[in-house]
Amino acid sequence: MSNKGMPEGTALGTIGDEIIFENEHVRIWRLKLAPGEKQAWHQHHLPYVVVPLTAGDNVMRFADGRVKSTSEKVGEALWREPGMPHELENRGQSDYANVLVEIKVD
């Protein structure tokens, strides 16, 4: 894996700001980013669903250098598979918030 997108030696952060619920089936995180704020580099090891609580104009930057813009709508559900480390930046003019549900698989 090429790390041209992620600075070498970067420590990975958490999936969200805080875990708001967890049991043997799911782990649910809350995340909030102010305009221009970046979520630390992190990596998902479980499949997950993102449910935006606010509209989102974000960009995801991946460890391999790929960049993906996202435009999220309130209340939609976005399925994501685990993958390589990435960071998330709020490019919008207002706060962005979501709830992220990790699906624990056997």
Protein backbone atom coordinates (compact mmCIF):
# COMPACT_ATOMS: atom_id res chain seq x y z
CA MET A 1 0.00 0.00 0.00
CA SER A 2 1.34 3.42 -0.94
CA ASN A 3 1.12 6.06 1.77
CA LYS A 4 1.46 9.11 -0.49
CA GLY A 5 -1.84 10.43 0.94
CA MET A 6 -1.16 9.81 4.63
CA PRO A 7 1.97 11.28 6.19
CA GLU A 8 4.42 8.58 7.25
CA GLY A 9 4.33 7.82 10.97
CA THR A 10 0.77 9.14 11.39
CA ALA A 11 -0.97 7.58 14.39
CA LEU A 12 -4.52 6.49 13.63
CA GLY A 13 -7.34 8.06 15.63
CA THR A 14 -10.78 6.86 16.61
CA ILE A 15 -13.77 6.25 14.33
CA GLY A 16 -15.79 9.09 15.91
CA ASP A 17 -15.92 11.50 18.84
CA GLU A 18 -17.62 9.11 21.25
CA ILE A 19 -19.32 5.74 21.42
CA ILE A 20 -22.98 6.32 22.29
CA PHE A 21 -24.10 2.67 22.33
CA GLU A 22 -22.50 -0.75 22.06
CA ASN A 23 -23.62 -4.36 22.35
CA GLU A 24 -22.61 -7.68 20.79
CA HIS A 25 -24.15 -6.68 17.40
CA VAL A 26 -23.28 -2.99 16.86
CA ARG A 27 -21.07 -0.13 18.02
CA ILE A 28 -22.55 3.35 17.46
CA TRP A 29 -20.40 6.48 17.25
CA ARG A 30 -21.27 10.18 17.14
CA LEU A 31 -19.13 12.59 15.10
CA LYS A 32 -19.26 16.38 14.73
CA LEU A 33 -16.95 18.53 12.59
CA ALA A 34 -16.91 22.33 12.46
CA PRO A 35 -16.42 24.02 9.07
CA GLY A 36 -12.86 23.33 7.90
CA GLU A 37 -12.26 20.78 10.66
CA LYS A 38 -10.66 17.41 9.85
CA GLN A 39 -11.32 14.12 11.54
CA ALA A 40 -8.04 12.40 12.37
CA TRP A 41 -6.74 9.64 10.12
CA HIS A 42 -8.54 6.44 11.10
CA GLN A 43 -9.34 2.99 9.74
CA HIS A 44 -12.54 0.95 9.77
CA HIS A 45 -12.17 -2.76 10.46
CA LEU A 46 -15.93 -3.45 10.38
CA PRO A 47 -18.63 -2.68 7.80
CA TYR A 48 -20.65 0.37 8.81
CA VAL A 49 -23.57 2.67 8.04
CA VAL A 50 -23.29 6.47 8.19
CA VAL A 51 -26.48 8.42 8.99
CA PRO A 52 -25.95 12.18 8.50
CA LEU A 53 -27.65 14.37 11.09
CA THR A 54 -26.80 17.49 9.09
CA ALA A 55 -26.11 18.08 5.40
CA GLY A 56 -22.50 17.37 4.53
CA ASP A 57 -20.07 18.80 2.00
CA ASN A 58 -17.06 16.68 2.88
CA VAL A 59 -13.94 15.22 1.36
CA MET A 60 -12.36 11.88 2.23
CA ARG A 61 -8.61 11.52 1.70
CA PHE A 62 -7.25 7.97 1.58
CA ALA A 63 -3.81 6.65 2.51
CA ASP A 64 -3.16 5.68 -1.12
CA GLY A 65 -3.67 9.29 -2.27
CA ARG A 66 -7.24 8.94 -3.57
CA VAL A 67 -9.64 11.78 -2.79
CA LYS A 68 -13.42 11.34 -2.72
CA SER A 69 -15.90 14.22 -2.35
CA THR A 70 -19.15 13.44 -0.57
CA SER A 71 -22.43 15.32 -0.52
CA GLU A 72 -24.59 13.94 2.26
CA LYS A 73 -28.26 14.59 2.93
CA VAL A 74 -29.94 14.56 6.33
CA GLY A 75 -31.43 11.18 7.21
CA GLU A 76 -30.00 9.13 4.35
CA ALA A 77 -28.09 5.94 5.13
CA LEU A 78 -24.71 5.31 3.50
CA TRP A 79 -23.23 1.78 3.51
CA ARG A 80 -19.46 1.54 3.69
CA GLU A 81 -17.08 -1.42 3.74
CA PRO A 82 -13.94 -1.53 5.89
CA GLY A 83 -10.85 -0.35 4.10
CA MET A 84 -7.69 1.64 4.17
CA PRO A 85 -6.97 4.55 6.50
CA HIS A 86 -8.55 7.88 5.60
CA GLU A 87 -9.37 11.29 7.00
CA LEU A 88 -12.58 13.31 6.62
CA GLU A 89 -12.72 17.10 6.18
CA ASN A 90 -15.82 19.28 6.47
CA ARG A 91 -15.65 21.66 3.47
CA GLY A 92 -19.07 23.13 4.25
CA GLN A 93 -20.01 26.43 5.84
CA SER A 94 -21.79 24.85 8.82
CA ASP A 95 -21.20 22.07 11.31
CA TYR A 96 -21.42 18.52 10.02
CA ALA A 97 -22.66 15.72 12.29
CA ASN A 98 -23.41 12.05 11.82
CA VAL A 99 -24.09 8.82 13.61
CA LEU A 100 -21.98 5.89 12.46
CA VAL A 101 -23.11 2.31 13.12
CA GLU A 102 -20.43 -0.37 12.96
CA ILE A 103 -21.82 -3.85 12.28
CA LYS A 104 -20.05 -6.53 14.30
CA VAL A 105 -19.71 -9.65 12.19
CA ASP A 106 -18.88 -13.17 13.32
